Amino acid sequence: MFYNTNLEGVESTGESHEESPVVNVAIQNKSAKVATDDGTRASQLVNLNVLKRFLSTRASNPEWHYSTRKIDRDEKFLLSLMREKGITYSSAPQSVLTSMRSTLITVIFLWIPLIPLMWLLYRQLSAANSPARKRKPNNEMVGFDDVEGVDAAKVELMEIVSCLQGDVNYQKLGAKLPRGVLLVGPPGTGKTLLARAVAGEAGVPFFPVSASEFVELFVGRGAARIRDLFNVARKCAPSIIFIDELDAVGGKRGRSFNDERDQTLNQLLTEMDGFESDMKVVVIAATNRPEALDPALCRPGRFSRKVLVGEPDIEGRKKILAVHLRGVPLEDDTQLICDLVASLTPGFVGADLANIVNEAALLSARRGGENVSMEDVMQAIERAKFGINDKQLRRGTLSKELGKLFPWIPSLVGRNDTRQAGLQGPLGYQTFS
C-alpha cells in the first residue's frame, strides 16, 4: 500500500492499518485490488465506494489490517492522525533472524577492526612484556685479566667481588655488601666491561639493562619493569644488575613534567633502599653525566661507592693494546707496536685503541696480507685521528680568488709546501721524527 494512499484512507475511512489474514487490499488511484483468502485467490479491481460498502458489512470488530513501514520525519503526523480517527495501531516485533543479522553485522564492522588495537594495548600493559621476564641472567666469561688501564677502578671493584663470594675477613669485621656502585667516566673508558668483569670474577648472574628501556609511553609501565627486574634478580641472588646510561632515568626530579620518568625513578629509589641486610644483590650503574643525577639516588645507602673510570695514561694504553693484540698475527714485535701506538695516541681511551687494532686488521686483509704490518697500524692511527681521506684538501674559495688577482701568491705558498717532501699528512697535519 502506498503511503499517501494510506493517509487518504485513514482520513476517509478511519480503519485499522495492519496486515490482514483474511483479505489483502492494495489501494491505488481511488481503486483497490482485493484478494480473498477463501482458497480461490480471486482478484479483481473494485471501486473505493464499493470497497467501503463491503467493509461496512463486515463485523463490528475490523478484520482488515494494514501495515506500512516507518517513514522518517513523518512519524508524528501519522500517529496524530490515527489518534484523531480512533484507529488502533501497534508496531510489529522484530524477528529473531533479523535481530541476529543486525548483531552479527555490528560485531563484524565494529569489533573485528578493534582486535589488533586491543592486542597492542595488551602487549603494552601486560607484565609479560617486561624486559626482566624476557632476559635471562648472563654468566659472564670476562675477568679482570681482560680489563687493563683502569687499575684504580679494578682495586675498588675487587672488594665487591670479595663480598659477593662471602670473604670471611669482611664478615668478621661486620662489613656489609655495598648496595650500589656508580661508575663515572668519559665514554669508551670500559665501564661496561668492568661491570661484566665483576660478574665474571664473582661467578654470579649478570642482568645488563639500559636505562632507556624503563622509559615508557604509558604511566606506570617503567615502574612495573623496575619491580619485575629486581624480583628476578632477588630470585637469582647473589646477582648483579648493571644499568647503563643511568642519567636517562635518574635525572633530577622537578625539571620537567614527565610523570612517567619520575615514577620510574621513585620505584628505583625504593627498590635500592629496600634491600634486606642479607640480600646479595648489587646494582652497578654507569654514567658520563654525574652532575645530572638526582641527589637522592647518589646518597650513601643507594650508590654507596662512586668509582672514577678515567682516560688511561701511556702505561695503561700499552696494557690495553696488549689485550687487544692477543689474537692478531703481527709482522713486528708486539711490545714494539704497543710502545709506538701508545706514544702516538695521547687522550685515547680503550674503545679508540680497540678500533685502531680492528682498522689495522681490516687494512691488512684489504691488501691481501697474512699478518698485520707496522704500516697498517700507522695508517689505522691516521684514520682514527684525522678521518678517512687520502686526498689533499683543496684550497678554499678565498685562496682561489686571491690567486686569480695575485698570481704570485701560489708560488709563495708552493715554496713552503711541506707535503712535497712527504712530511704533511692527507688532512694537513705534519709528523716529525
Protein backbone atom coordinates (compact mmCIF):
# COMPACT_ATOMS: atom_id res chain seq x y z
CA MET A 1 0.00 0.00 0.00
CA PHE A 2 1.37 3.41 -0.91
CA TYR A 3 1.95 5.76 2.00
CA ASN A 4 -0.01 8.72 0.63
CA THR A 5 -2.96 6.47 -0.26
CA ASN A 6 -2.80 5.04 3.23
CA LEU A 7 -3.16 8.54 4.68
CA GLU A 8 -6.15 9.24 2.44
CA GLY A 9 -7.75 6.02 3.62
CA VAL A 10 -7.19 6.97 7.24
CA GLU A 11 -8.79 10.37 6.73
CA SER A 12 -11.81 8.95 4.91
CA THR A 13 -12.47 5.51 6.37
CA GLY A 14 -10.85 5.52 9.77
CA GLU A 15 -9.98 1.82 9.56
CA SER A 16 -7.18 -0.04 11.29
CA HIS A 17 -3.91 -0.39 9.36
CA GLU A 18 -2.31 -3.75 9.94
CA GLU A 19 -1.67 -6.86 7.94
CA SER A 20 -4.90 -8.97 7.47
CA PRO A 21 -5.01 -12.75 7.46
CA VAL A 22 -8.34 -12.70 5.52
CA VAL A 23 -8.21 -10.05 2.79
CA ASN A 24 -5.26 -8.09 1.42
CA VAL A 25 -6.03 -4.73 -0.20
CA ALA A 26 -3.80 -2.61 -2.40
CA ILE A 27 -5.24 0.89 -2.92
CA GLN A 28 -4.05 2.95 -5.86
CA ASN A 29 -5.66 5.89 -7.69
CA LYS A 30 -9.07 5.55 -5.95
CA SER A 31 -9.35 1.89 -6.85
CA ALA A 32 -8.46 -1.27 -4.97
CA LYS A 33 -7.27 -4.73 -5.82
CA VAL A 34 -8.90 -7.24 -3.45
CA ALA A 35 -7.61 -10.76 -2.91
CA THR A 36 -9.85 -13.03 -0.85
CA ASP A 37 -8.43 -15.80 1.23
CA ASP A 38 -11.12 -18.43 0.51
CA GLY A 39 -8.80 -20.81 -1.37
CA THR A 40 -9.56 -19.42 -4.87
CA ARG A 41 -7.20 -16.41 -4.54
CA ALA A 42 -9.55 -14.47 -6.85
CA SER A 43 -8.54 -10.88 -7.50
CA GLN A 44 -10.48 -8.07 -9.10
CA LEU A 45 -10.34 -4.31 -9.44
CA VAL A 46 -13.10 -2.57 -7.47
CA ASN A 47 -14.05 0.99 -6.80
CA LEU A 48 -13.32 2.60 -3.44
CA ASN A 49 -17.00 3.23 -2.77
CA VAL A 50 -17.78 -0.44 -3.35
CA LEU A 51 -14.94 -1.33 -1.03
CA LYS A 52 -16.30 0.96 1.70
CA ARG A 53 -19.73 -0.67 1.45
CA PHE A 54 -18.10 -4.08 1.58
CA LEU A 55 -16.18 -3.16 4.68
CA SER A 56 -19.29 -1.77 6.38
CA THR A 57 -20.98 -5.15 6.05
CA ARG A 58 -18.22 -6.88 8.00
CA ALA A 59 -18.39 -7.42 11.75
CA SER A 60 -18.10 -4.56 14.15
CA ASN A 61 -14.56 -5.62 15.02
CA PRO A 62 -12.40 -4.80 11.99
CA GLU A 63 -10.83 -7.79 10.31
CA TRP A 64 -8.95 -5.67 7.81
CA HIS A 65 -5.41 -4.94 8.86
CA TYR A 66 -2.96 -2.69 7.09
CA SER A 67 0.78 -2.44 7.52
CA THR A 68 3.24 0.25 6.49
CA ARG A 69 6.90 0.89 7.10
CA LYS A 70 8.28 3.67 9.25
CA ILE A 71 8.73 6.95 7.42
CA ASP A 72 11.46 9.24 8.72
CA ARG A 73 10.44 12.70 9.94
CA ASP A 74 6.75 11.89 9.27
CA GLU A 75 6.00 9.66 12.24
CA LYS A 76 4.32 12.35 14.36
CA PHE A 77 1.92 13.27 11.60
CA LEU A 78 0.78 9.70 11.01
CA LEU A 79 0.42 8.88 14.70
CA SER A 80 -1.53 12.04 15.47
CA LEU A 81 -3.81 11.39 12.53
CA MET A 82 -4.54 7.84 13.67
CA ARG A 83 -5.25 9.10 17.20
CA GLU A 84 -7.77 11.59 15.84
CA LYS A 85 -9.55 8.88 13.86
CA GLY A 86 -9.56 6.44 16.78
CA ILE A 87 -7.57 3.78 14.96
CA THR A 88 -5.83 1.09 16.95
CA TYR A 89 -2.19 0.77 15.91
CA SER A 90 0.83 -1.15 17.09
CA SER A 91 4.35 -1.99 15.95
CA ALA A 92 5.29 -5.48 14.83
CA PRO A 93 8.11 -7.09 16.84
CA GLN A 94 11.42 -7.67 15.08
CA SER A 95 12.03 -11.25 14.06
CA VAL A 96 14.79 -13.29 15.67
CA LEU A 97 16.60 -13.75 12.37
CA THR A 98 16.65 -10.02 11.70
CA SER A 99 17.93 -9.31 15.21
CA MET A 100 20.71 -11.87 14.86
CA ARG A 101 21.66 -10.46 11.48
CA SER A 102 21.95 -6.91 12.80
CA THR A 103 24.00 -8.10 15.79
CA LEU A 104 26.37 -10.03 13.54
CA ILE A 105 26.84 -7.06 11.24
CA THR A 106 27.61 -4.83 14.23
CA VAL A 107 30.24 -7.27 15.51
CA ILE A 108 31.88 -7.67 12.13
CA PHE A 109 32.11 -4.00 11.22
CA LEU A 110 32.77 -2.55 14.69
CA TRP A 111 34.63 -5.02 16.91
CA ILE A 112 36.78 -7.00 14.49
CA PRO A 113 38.82 -3.91 13.40
CA LEU A 114 39.47 -3.21 17.10
CA ILE A 115 41.11 -6.61 17.73
CA PRO A 116 44.63 -5.51 16.57
CA LEU A 117 44.39 -2.39 18.74
CA MET A 118 43.33 -4.43 21.76
CA TRP A 119 46.22 -6.83 21.16
CA LEU A 120 48.73 -3.96 21.06
CA LEU A 121 47.31 -2.49 24.25
CA TYR A 122 47.53 -5.88 25.93
CA ARG A 123 51.19 -6.22 24.99
CA GLN A 124 51.98 -2.75 26.30
CA LEU A 125 50.07 -3.12 29.54
CA SER A 126 50.84 -6.75 30.22
CA ALA A 127 53.54 -7.60 32.71
CA ALA A 128 54.66 -10.39 30.37
CA ASN A 129 56.31 -7.70 28.21
CA SER A 130 58.78 -6.90 30.97
CA PRO A 131 62.46 -6.99 29.95
CA ALA A 132 63.27 -8.80 33.18
CA ARG A 133 60.99 -11.70 32.24
CA LYS A 134 62.39 -11.89 28.73
CA ARG A 135 66.04 -11.59 29.72
CA LYS A 136 67.81 -14.49 31.33
CA PRO A 137 70.84 -13.88 33.52
CA ASN A 138 74.16 -13.96 31.71
CA ASN A 139 77.06 -15.98 33.00
CA GLU A 140 79.95 -13.73 32.05
CA MET A 141 83.29 -15.22 31.00
CA VAL A 142 85.10 -11.87 31.30
CA GLY A 143 87.56 -11.40 34.14
CA PHE A 144 89.80 -8.67 35.47
CA ASP A 145 92.62 -10.01 33.27
CA ASP A 146 90.67 -8.73 30.27
CA VAL A 147 90.45 -5.20 31.71
CA GLU A 148 93.57 -3.03 31.68
CA GLY A 149 94.37 0.64 32.02
CA VAL A 150 91.97 1.23 34.93
CA ASP A 151 93.91 -0.24 37.83
CA ALA A 152 92.42 2.05 40.49
CA ALA A 153 88.87 1.12 39.49
CA LYS A 154 89.77 -2.57 39.49
CA VAL A 155 91.02 -2.37 43.08
CA GLU A 156 87.75 -0.80 44.24
CA LEU A 157 85.63 -3.37 42.45
CA MET A 158 87.64 -6.32 43.72
CA GLU A 159 86.14 -5.65 47.15
CA ILE A 160 82.68 -6.11 45.65
CA VAL A 161 83.78 -9.49 44.33
CA SER A 162 85.12 -10.50 47.74
CA CYS A 163 81.86 -9.52 49.44
CA LEU A 164 79.81 -11.45 46.89
CA GLN A 165 81.97 -14.52 47.42
CA GLY A 166 81.48 -14.26 51.19
CA ASP A 167 85.00 -13.43 52.32
CA VAL A 168 85.50 -14.30 55.99
CA ASN A 169 87.56 -11.20 56.71
CA TYR A 170 84.73 -8.87 55.71
CA GLN A 171 82.17 -10.84 57.68
CA LYS A 172 84.39 -10.94 60.76
CA LEU A 173 84.71 -7.17 60.78
CA GLY A 174 80.99 -6.65 60.21
CA ALA A 175 81.38 -5.16 56.73
CA LYS A 176 78.22 -5.13 54.63
CA LEU A 177 77.90 -5.56 50.92
CA PRO A 178 77.62 -2.18 49.13
CA ARG A 179 74.18 -1.84 47.64
CA GLY A 180 75.28 0.15 44.63
CA VAL A 181 78.40 1.18 42.72
CA LEU A 182 78.36 4.15 40.36
CA LEU A 183 80.95 4.11 37.57
CA VAL A 184 81.68 7.63 36.35
CA GLY A 185 83.85 8.45 33.37
CA PRO A 186 84.01 9.53 29.72
CA PRO A 187 82.51 7.32 27.02
CA GLY A 188 84.61 4.36 25.93
CA THR A 189 86.73 4.00 29.07
CA GLY A 190 85.45 0.49 29.85
CA LYS A 191 82.68 0.98 32.40
CA THR A 192 80.50 -1.77 30.96
CA LEU A 193 83.49 -4.10 30.65
CA LEU A 194 84.31 -3.52 34.31
CA ALA A 195 80.79 -4.48 35.38
CA ARG A 196 80.98 -7.65 33.29
CA ALA A 197 84.36 -8.45 34.81
CA VAL A 198 82.93 -8.12 38.33
CA ALA A 199 80.16 -10.60 37.48
CA GLY A 200 82.63 -12.94 35.79
CA GLU A 201 85.08 -12.91 38.70
CA ALA A 202 82.34 -13.44 41.27
CA GLY A 203 80.61 -16.11 39.17
CA VAL A 204 77.12 -14.69 39.73
CA PRO A 205 74.23 -14.00 37.30
CA PHE A 206 74.51 -10.69 35.45
CA PHE A 207 71.48 -8.60 34.38
CA PRO A 208 72.54 -5.85 31.95
CA VAL A 209 69.84 -3.29 31.09
CA SER A 210 69.74 0.15 29.57
CA ALA A 211 68.03 2.96 31.47
CA SER A 212 66.12 3.95 28.34
CA GLU A 213 64.24 0.62 28.49
CA PHE A 214 62.38 1.86 31.57
CA VAL A 215 61.05 4.99 29.86
CA GLU A 216 57.60 4.09 28.51
CA LEU A 217 54.66 5.89 26.94
CA PHE A 218 52.15 4.60 29.50
CA VAL A 219 52.44 5.92 33.02
CA GLY A 220 53.36 3.17 35.45
CA ARG A 221 54.94 0.76 32.98
CA GLY A 222 58.51 1.88 33.77
CA ALA A 223 57.97 1.36 37.49
CA ALA A 224 56.48 -2.08 36.81
CA ARG A 225 59.54 -3.06 34.79
CA ILE A 226 61.81 -1.93 37.62
CA ARG A 227 59.88 -4.14 40.06
CA ASP A 228 60.00 -7.14 37.75
CA LEU A 229 63.74 -6.74 37.18
CA PHE A 230 64.55 -6.62 40.88
CA ASN A 231 62.23 -9.53 41.64
CA VAL A 232 64.05 -11.72 39.12
CA ALA A 233 67.43 -10.58 40.47
CA ARG A 234 66.40 -11.46 44.03
CA LYS A 235 65.40 -14.95 42.94
CA CYS A 236 68.86 -15.43 41.38
CA ALA A 237 70.77 -13.87 44.29
CA PRO A 238 73.63 -13.34 44.63
CA SER A 239 73.46 -11.40 41.38
CA ILE A 240 74.48 -8.12 39.74
CA ILE A 241 72.22 -5.62 37.98
CA PHE A 242 74.01 -3.30 35.57
CA ILE A 243 72.17 -0.14 34.44
CA ASP A 244 73.87 1.63 31.55
CA GLU A 245 73.39 5.38 30.97
CA LEU A 246 71.72 5.91 34.33
CA ASP A 247 71.13 9.62 33.62
CA ALA A 248 68.36 8.67 31.16
CA VAL A 249 66.10 7.70 34.07
CA GLY A 250 67.91 9.04 37.13
CA GLY A 251 67.89 12.74 36.30
CA LYS A 252 66.91 15.35 38.85
CA ARG A 253 63.20 15.48 39.57
CA GLY A 254 61.16 18.64 39.15
CA ARG A 255 62.85 19.87 36.00
CA SER A 256 60.19 18.53 33.65
CA PHE A 257 56.56 17.45 33.65
CA ASN A 258 57.38 13.83 32.82
CA ASP A 259 55.42 11.93 35.46
CA GLU A 260 56.40 8.57 33.97
CA ARG A 261 60.13 9.22 34.46
CA ASP A 262 59.59 10.50 37.99
CA GLN A 263 57.56 7.42 38.95
CA THR A 264 60.24 5.16 37.48
CA LEU A 265 62.93 6.95 39.48
CA ASN A 266 60.88 6.73 42.66
CA GLN A 267 60.47 2.99 42.17
CA LEU A 268 64.21 2.60 41.60
CA LEU A 269 64.94 4.50 44.81
CA THR A 270 62.51 2.29 46.71
CA GLU A 271 63.94 -0.95 45.34
CA MET A 272 67.54 0.01 46.10
CA ASP A 273 66.84 1.24 49.61
CA GLY A 274 64.50 -1.65 50.41
CA PHE A 275 67.10 -4.41 50.28
CA GLU A 276 67.34 -6.70 53.23
CA SER A 277 70.64 -6.95 55.03
CA ASP A 278 71.37 -10.44 53.74
CA MET A 279 70.12 -9.83 50.20
CA LYS A 280 73.17 -10.21 47.96
CA VAL A 281 72.10 -8.06 45.01
CA VAL A 282 74.48 -5.34 43.80
CA VAL A 283 73.46 -2.55 41.45
CA ILE A 284 76.25 -1.23 39.22
CA ALA A 285 75.41 1.81 37.12
CA ALA A 286 77.41 3.76 34.56
CA THR A 287 77.09 7.39 33.51
CA ASN A 288 79.17 10.14 31.98
CA ARG A 289 76.97 12.90 33.44
CA PRO A 290 77.06 12.52 37.24
CA GLU A 291 76.02 16.15 37.75
CA ALA A 292 72.62 15.42 36.14
CA LEU A 293 71.67 12.66 38.61
CA ASP A 294 69.13 13.14 41.39
CA PRO A 295 70.77 13.71 44.82
CA ALA A 296 68.54 11.08 46.42
CA LEU A 297 69.95 8.50 44.01
CA CYS A 298 73.59 9.30 44.75
CA ARG A 299 73.38 9.30 48.53
CA PRO A 300 75.10 6.59 50.64
CA GLY A 301 72.83 3.61 51.06
CA ARG A 302 71.89 3.51 47.41
CA PHE A 303 75.08 4.15 45.45
CA SER A 304 77.47 3.87 48.35
CA ARG A 305 80.58 3.89 46.19
CA LYS A 306 81.48 6.12 43.27
CA VAL A 307 84.36 4.88 41.11
CA LEU A 308 86.04 7.14 38.57
CA VAL A 309 86.99 5.41 35.33
CA GLY A 310 89.16 7.95 33.56
CA GLU A 311 91.36 8.06 30.49
CA PRO A 312 94.38 5.73 30.66
CA ASP A 313 97.93 7.04 30.76
CA ILE A 314 100.68 5.82 28.44
CA GLU A 315 101.31 2.70 30.51
CA GLY A 316 97.60 1.97 30.59
CA ARG A 317 97.38 2.35 26.81
CA LYS A 318 100.22 -0.15 26.38
CA LYS A 319 98.39 -2.70 28.52
CA ILE A 320 95.12 -2.12 26.69
CA LEU A 321 96.81 -2.61 23.32
CA ALA A 322 98.45 -5.80 24.56
CA VAL A 323 95.00 -7.17 25.44
CA HIS A 324 93.51 -6.30 22.04
CA LEU A 325 96.52 -7.66 20.11
CA ARG A 326 96.37 -11.12 21.69
CA GLY A 327 94.75 -12.87 18.76
CA VAL A 328 96.15 -10.68 15.96
CA PRO A 329 99.10 -12.01 13.88
CA LEU A 330 101.79 -9.32 13.65
CA GLU A 331 104.86 -8.94 11.48
CA ASP A 332 106.74 -6.98 14.13
CA ASP A 333 107.21 -7.39 17.84
CA THR A 334 104.05 -6.87 19.90
CA GLN A 335 105.78 -4.79 22.57
CA LEU A 336 107.28 -2.52 19.90
CA ILE A 337 103.89 -1.87 18.35
CA CYS A 338 102.32 -1.24 21.75
CA ASP A 339 105.00 1.29 22.68
CA LEU A 340 104.72 3.10 19.35
CA VAL A 341 100.93 3.28 19.29
CA ALA A 342 100.72 4.33 22.95
CA SER A 343 103.14 7.19 22.33
CA LEU A 344 101.17 8.41 19.29
CA THR A 345 97.71 8.26 20.88
CA PRO A 346 97.56 10.58 23.90
CA GLY A 347 94.00 11.04 25.16
CA PHE A 348 92.74 7.85 23.53
CA VAL A 349 90.52 5.53 25.58
CA GLY A 350 90.04 1.78 25.37
CA ALA A 351 87.37 1.95 22.67
CA ASP A 352 89.63 4.09 20.45
CA LEU A 353 92.55 1.69 20.83
CA ALA A 354 90.35 -1.30 20.06
CA ASN A 355 89.18 0.49 16.92
CA ILE A 356 92.79 1.09 15.83
CA VAL A 357 93.61 -2.61 16.12
CA ASN A 358 90.49 -3.55 14.17
CA GLU A 359 91.22 -0.99 11.42
CA ALA A 360 94.78 -2.30 11.08
CA ALA A 361 93.47 -5.86 10.65
CA LEU A 362 90.97 -4.67 8.01
CA LEU A 363 93.67 -2.81 6.09
CA SER A 364 95.89 -5.89 6.14
CA ALA A 365 93.04 -8.02 4.81
CA ARG A 366 92.34 -5.43 2.10
CA ARG A 367 95.88 -5.66 0.70
CA GLY A 368 95.83 -9.45 0.99
CA GLY A 369 98.46 -9.76 3.71
CA GLU A 370 98.75 -12.65 6.13
CA ASN A 371 99.98 -10.54 9.05
CA VAL A 372 99.39 -7.00 10.28
CA SER A 373 102.36 -4.80 9.50
CA MET A 374 103.59 -1.62 11.10
CA GLU A 375 102.40 0.32 8.07
CA ASP A 376 98.85 -0.96 8.62
CA VAL A 377 98.96 0.14 12.23
CA MET A 378 100.24 3.62 11.33
CA GLN A 379 97.56 4.03 8.69
CA ALA A 380 94.93 2.93 11.22
CA ILE A 381 96.17 5.58 13.66
CA GLU A 382 95.93 8.17 10.89
CA ARG A 383 92.35 7.14 10.17
CA ALA A 384 91.40 7.25 13.86
CA LYS A 385 92.88 10.71 14.34
CA PHE A 386 92.08 12.54 11.14
CA GLY A 387 89.40 10.56 9.36
CA ILE A 388 89.40 8.55 6.14
CA ASN A 389 90.67 10.71 3.26
CA ASP A 390 93.72 10.10 1.08
CA LYS A 391 93.43 13.29 -0.96
CA GLN A 392 94.90 16.62 -0.07
CA LEU A 393 92.30 19.21 0.85
CA ARG A 394 91.70 21.76 -1.83
CA ARG A 395 92.36 25.39 -1.12
CA GLY A 396 89.35 27.39 -0.02
CA THR A 397 87.35 29.72 -2.20
CA LEU A 398 89.12 32.77 -0.77
CA SER A 399 92.53 31.37 -1.72
CA LYS A 400 91.34 30.71 -5.26
CA GLU A 401 90.05 34.24 -5.68
CA LEU A 402 93.27 35.70 -4.28
CA GLY A 403 95.25 33.52 -6.67
CA LYS A 404 93.36 34.96 -9.63
CA LEU A 405 94.02 38.53 -8.52
CA PHE A 406 97.62 37.98 -7.43
CA PRO A 407 99.29 35.25 -9.50
CA TRP A 408 102.43 35.34 -7.37
CA ILE A 409 100.59 34.04 -4.22
CA PRO A 410 100.50 30.35 -5.28
CA SER A 411 104.24 30.39 -5.95
CA LEU A 412 104.90 31.66 -2.44
CA VAL A 413 102.64 29.01 -0.99
CA GLY A 414 104.30 26.33 -3.09
CA ARG A 415 107.72 27.18 -1.70
CA ASN A 416 106.54 26.22 1.80
CA ASP A 417 104.55 23.15 0.76
CA THR A 418 105.80 20.51 3.13
CA ARG A 419 103.65 17.82 1.52
CA GLN A 420 106.06 17.66 -1.42
CA ALA A 421 108.74 16.46 0.96
CA GLY A 422 106.45 13.74 2.33
CA LEU A 423 106.08 15.35 5.76
CA GLN A 424 102.44 16.50 5.58
CA GLY A 425 99.52 14.15 6.15
CA PRO A 426 96.40 13.91 3.99
CA LEU A 427 94.40 16.36 6.12
CA GLY A 428 97.09 18.94 6.75
CA TYR A 429 98.84 17.51 9.82
CA GLN A 430 102.60 17.02 10.00
CA THR A 431 104.68 14.30 11.59
CA PHE A 432 108.21 14.76 12.86
CA SER A 433 110.65 12.03 13.71
